[in-house]
Protein backbone atom coordinates (compact mmCIF):
# COMPACT_ATOMS: atom_id res chain seq x y z
CA MET A 1 -10.15 -54.44 66.36
CA ASN A 2 -9.70 -58.13 67.07
CA PHE A 3 -11.11 -60.61 64.61
CA ASN A 4 -9.57 -63.76 66.08
CA GLY A 5 -11.86 -66.69 65.38
CA LYS A 6 -13.93 -64.72 62.87
CA ASN A 7 -14.50 -65.72 59.25
CA VAL A 8 -14.75 -62.88 56.74
CA LEU A 9 -16.04 -63.31 53.19
CA ILE A 10 -14.79 -60.71 50.70
CA THR A 11 -16.04 -60.27 47.15
CA GLY A 12 -13.96 -58.57 44.47
CA ALA A 13 -11.00 -60.01 46.37
CA ARG A 14 -8.53 -59.77 43.52
CA GLY A 15 -8.93 -56.04 43.07
CA ASN A 16 -6.88 -53.31 44.71
CA LEU A 17 -9.34 -52.75 47.53
CA GLY A 18 -10.04 -56.45 47.93
CA ARG A 19 -6.38 -57.26 48.50
CA ALA A 20 -5.99 -54.39 50.99
CA VAL A 21 -9.08 -55.36 52.96
CA ALA A 22 -8.16 -59.05 52.98
CA GLN A 23 -4.70 -58.27 54.30
CA ALA A 24 -6.10 -55.97 56.97
CA PHE A 25 -8.58 -58.57 58.22
CA ALA A 26 -5.91 -61.27 58.18
CA GLN A 27 -3.56 -59.08 60.22
CA ALA A 28 -6.40 -58.56 62.71
CA GLY A 29 -6.68 -62.32 63.17
CA ALA A 30 -9.52 -63.24 60.85
CA ARG A 31 -9.70 -66.12 58.42
CA VAL A 32 -10.68 -64.68 55.08
CA VAL A 33 -12.68 -66.25 52.25
CA LEU A 34 -11.86 -64.59 48.95
CA LEU A 35 -14.43 -64.61 46.15
CA ASP A 36 -13.57 -63.40 42.67
CA ARG A 37 -14.01 -64.42 39.05
CA HIS A 38 -10.23 -64.85 38.88
CA ALA A 39 -7.77 -66.37 41.29
CA ALA A 40 -7.19 -64.02 44.23
CA PRO A 41 -3.90 -64.04 46.16
CA LEU A 42 -4.10 -65.18 49.78
CA PRO A 43 -3.04 -62.68 52.47
CA GLU A 44 0.49 -62.99 53.76
CA ALA A 45 -0.69 -62.78 57.36
CA GLY A 46 -2.47 -65.63 59.13
CA ASN A 47 -3.43 -69.03 57.77
CA GLY A 48 -6.42 -71.12 56.84
CA HIS A 49 -7.58 -68.60 54.29
CA VAL A 50 -9.74 -69.79 51.34
CA ALA A 51 -9.80 -68.46 47.77
CA LEU A 52 -12.71 -69.46 45.49
CA GLN A 53 -13.38 -68.51 41.91
CA THR A 54 -17.03 -67.74 41.14
CA ASP A 55 -19.22 -65.47 39.05
CA LEU A 56 -21.27 -63.28 41.38
CA LEU A 57 -23.86 -62.84 38.65
CA ASP A 58 -24.43 -66.62 38.37
CA ALA A 59 -26.65 -67.34 41.36
CA ALA A 60 -26.25 -71.11 41.20
CA GLN A 61 -22.46 -70.96 40.90
CA LEU A 62 -22.25 -68.41 43.70
CA GLY A 63 -24.43 -70.56 45.94
CA GLN A 64 -22.07 -73.46 45.48
CA ALA A 65 -19.08 -71.29 46.31
CA VAL A 66 -20.68 -70.01 49.52
CA GLN A 67 -21.52 -73.58 50.52
CA GLN A 68 -17.86 -74.51 49.98
CA ALA A 69 -16.86 -71.59 52.16
CA ILE A 70 -19.22 -72.62 54.96
CA GLN A 71 -18.02 -76.19 54.79
CA ALA A 72 -14.43 -75.02 55.03
CA CYS A 73 -14.96 -72.46 57.79
CA GLY A 74 -18.10 -73.58 59.59
CA ARG A 75 -19.77 -70.18 59.38
CA ILE A 76 -19.49 -66.70 57.89
CA ASP A 77 -19.33 -63.87 60.45
CA VAL A 78 -18.67 -60.90 58.18
CA VAL A 79 -19.43 -60.15 54.52
CA CYS A 80 -17.67 -57.34 52.67
CA ASN A 81 -19.28 -56.61 49.30
CA LEU A 82 -16.41 -54.94 47.47
CA ALA A 83 -17.11 -56.10 43.92
CA GLY A 84 -18.45 -53.36 41.68
CA GLY A 85 -17.88 -51.30 38.59
CA PHE A 86 -17.49 -47.71 37.40
CA ALA A 87 -18.07 -46.16 34.04
CA MET A 88 -18.75 -42.71 32.65
CA GLY A 89 -20.69 -42.38 29.43
CA PRO A 90 -23.02 -40.26 27.38
CA ALA A 91 -25.97 -38.28 28.69
CA VAL A 92 -28.79 -40.19 30.33
CA HIS A 93 -31.00 -39.98 27.26
CA GLU A 94 -28.14 -41.34 25.12
CA THR A 95 -27.16 -44.22 27.44
CA ASP A 96 -28.30 -47.55 26.08
CA ALA A 97 -29.97 -50.31 28.11
CA ALA A 98 -26.87 -52.48 28.09
CA ALA A 99 -24.86 -49.79 29.92
CA TRP A 100 -27.54 -49.41 32.56
CA ASP A 101 -27.78 -53.18 33.00
CA HIS A 102 -24.01 -53.55 33.29
CA LEU A 103 -23.63 -51.06 36.15
CA PHE A 104 -26.70 -52.30 38.03
CA ASP A 105 -25.39 -55.87 37.62
CA MET A 106 -21.95 -54.91 38.99
CA ASN A 107 -23.08 -52.64 41.81
CA VAL A 108 -26.42 -54.05 42.93
CA ARG A 109 -27.14 -57.51 41.61
CA THR A 110 -23.81 -58.92 42.82
CA VAL A 111 -24.75 -57.85 46.33
CA LEU A 112 -28.31 -59.18 46.08
CA ASN A 113 -27.13 -62.56 44.81
CA LEU A 114 -24.68 -62.93 47.70
CA VAL A 115 -26.96 -61.85 50.51
CA ARG A 116 -29.66 -64.23 49.35
CA VAL A 117 -27.23 -67.06 50.09
CA VAL A 118 -25.39 -65.74 53.13
CA VAL A 119 -28.09 -64.03 55.20
CA PRO A 120 -30.06 -67.24 55.94
CA HIS A 121 -26.86 -68.73 57.48
CA MET A 122 -26.29 -65.57 59.55
CA LEU A 123 -29.91 -65.74 60.71
CA GLU A 124 -29.36 -69.29 61.88
CA ALA A 125 -26.32 -68.13 63.84
CA GLY A 126 -28.18 -65.11 65.19
CA ARG A 127 -25.41 -62.67 64.33
CA GLY A 128 -23.36 -61.22 61.52
CA SER A 129 -22.11 -58.03 59.91
CA ILE A 130 -22.37 -56.90 56.29
CA VAL A 131 -20.43 -53.98 54.86
CA ASN A 132 -21.22 -52.68 51.37
CA VAL A 133 -19.20 -50.24 49.27
CA GLY A 134 -21.23 -47.39 47.83
CA ALA A 135 -19.90 -44.13 46.43
CA ASN A 136 -19.69 -40.60 47.75
CA SER A 137 -20.57 -39.29 44.27
CA ALA A 138 -23.93 -41.07 44.37
CA ALA A 139 -25.26 -38.56 46.87
CA ARG A 140 -26.42 -36.64 43.80
CA GLY A 141 -26.60 -37.14 40.07
CA LEU A 142 -23.57 -36.08 38.02
CA ALA A 143 -23.27 -35.42 34.30
CA GLN A 144 -22.16 -38.41 32.24
CA MET A 145 -22.50 -40.59 35.35
CA GLY A 146 -26.22 -41.16 35.51
CA ALA A 147 -26.16 -44.95 35.43
CA TYR A 148 -23.27 -45.19 37.89
CA CYS A 149 -24.79 -42.72 40.39
CA ALA A 150 -28.18 -44.41 40.14
CA SER A 151 -26.76 -47.87 40.73
CA LYS A 152 -24.73 -46.79 43.76
CA ASP A 153 -27.72 -44.86 45.14
CA ALA A 154 -29.78 -48.03 44.76
CA LEU A 155 -27.14 -49.88 46.78
CA ALA A 156 -27.43 -47.27 49.54
CA ARG A 157 -31.19 -47.86 49.73
CA VAL A 158 -30.65 -51.63 49.74
CA THR A 159 -28.21 -51.19 52.65
CA GLU A 160 -30.75 -49.15 54.64
CA SER A 161 -33.60 -51.58 53.91
CA MET A 162 -31.54 -54.61 54.91
CA SER A 163 -30.52 -52.90 58.13
CA ALA A 164 -34.15 -52.15 58.99
CA GLU A 165 -35.08 -55.78 58.31
CA LEU A 166 -32.16 -57.50 60.07
CA ARG A 167 -31.02 -55.27 62.97
CA ASP A 168 -33.40 -56.90 65.46
CA ARG A 169 -32.18 -60.34 64.39
CA GLY A 170 -28.52 -59.79 65.24
CA ILE A 171 -27.24 -58.75 61.80
CA ARG A 172 -25.76 -55.31 61.21
CA VAL A 173 -25.69 -53.83 57.69
CA ASN A 174 -23.72 -50.68 56.86
CA ALA A 175 -21.90 -49.12 53.91
CA VAL A 176 -18.90 -46.96 53.19
CA LEU A 177 -19.14 -44.17 50.63
CA PRO A 178 -15.60 -43.44 49.38
CA SER A 179 -14.61 -40.71 47.01
CA ILE A 180 -11.83 -41.37 44.48
CA LEU A 181 -9.61 -44.26 45.56
CA ASP A 182 -5.87 -43.94 45.29
CA THR A 183 -5.11 -46.82 42.94
CA PRO A 184 -2.53 -47.23 40.18
CA GLU A 185 -5.31 -47.29 37.60
CA ASN A 186 -6.82 -44.01 38.83
CA ARG A 187 -3.41 -42.34 38.93
CA GLN A 188 -2.80 -43.39 35.34
CA ALA A 189 -6.22 -42.14 34.25
CA MET A 190 -5.85 -38.83 36.12
CA PRO A 191 -2.12 -38.06 36.32
CA ASP A 192 -2.59 -34.34 37.02
CA ALA A 193 -5.11 -34.75 39.85
CA GLU A 194 -4.33 -33.89 43.48
CA HIS A 195 -3.66 -37.46 44.56
CA ALA A 196 -3.06 -36.52 48.18
CA ARG A 197 -6.77 -35.80 48.52
CA TRP A 198 -7.80 -39.26 47.32
CA VAL A 199 -8.74 -42.05 49.69
CA GLY A 200 -5.93 -44.46 50.49
CA LEU A 201 -6.83 -48.13 50.31
CA ASP A 202 -5.50 -48.73 53.83
CA ALA A 203 -7.60 -45.84 55.16
CA LEU A 204 -10.76 -47.26 53.59
CA ALA A 205 -9.89 -50.72 54.87
CA ASP A 206 -9.67 -49.32 58.39
CA VAL A 207 -13.20 -47.94 58.16
CA ILE A 208 -14.52 -51.23 56.78
CA LEU A 209 -12.88 -53.16 59.61
CA PHE A 210 -14.38 -50.77 62.16
CA LEU A 211 -17.91 -51.22 60.77
CA ALA A 212 -17.45 -55.01 60.81
CA SER A 213 -16.07 -55.06 64.33
CA ASP A 214 -17.73 -55.33 67.73
CA ALA A 215 -16.64 -51.74 68.36
CA ALA A 216 -19.36 -50.71 65.88
CA ARG A 217 -22.01 -52.90 67.49
CA ALA A 218 -24.35 -49.90 67.88
CA VAL A 219 -23.94 -48.74 64.25
CA GLN A 220 -26.88 -49.80 62.12
CA GLY A 221 -27.77 -48.78 58.57
CA ALA A 222 -25.03 -46.15 58.37
CA LEU A 223 -23.74 -44.74 55.10
CA VAL A 224 -20.27 -43.53 56.09
CA PRO A 225 -18.54 -40.99 53.85
CA VAL A 226 -14.81 -41.63 53.38
CA VAL A 227 -13.73 -38.63 51.35
CA ASN A 228 -9.99 -37.94 51.58
CA ARG A 229 -6.85 -38.33 53.62
CA ALA A 230 -5.51 -34.75 53.44
């Protein structure tokens, strides 16, 4: 997968997955644009990378950040929507409105705010690839995870709708659906779990790169499960 000459915008770039994906794209020759509320470290590989601090829930601020990115790079070829949130809680009937709003903000509204700004530029270019991060658990509702499952399921439907709208205009939209990610935080929270069956960050990054690459040029509106590495 060769991304030489490609510009890749990554949200949630300071997180575990964001850093892994940024490094993978950089090693594949891409110039990466890192978006996060906090300063994100630039990849060790490659050069010309850009890190911008912005609030994905502030549409005006995000618009300015994307404009900066386009001015610096000329265009955006790939968008990876990695920002999101997870939370368990009480039963659905006991979950307050703030909890529902929080997870829909993190998992859906961040994506909607970004694509409103980026897709018009991709349409002008006549090409582009967008990869969203859903969740394998959102294939069904789970106890104490109603708001999370619903928000990630909504993101899956957004992915499919965008693909149906944009595929004939040169823009591919797909999503990965990982199970539990192998991160330090998850290991600390679940020390007795079978960690070998979790999804490695490098493995998930490989799938994201594939979906963003020309090798996946015939893949449209896919929701790709990434469930374990055992």
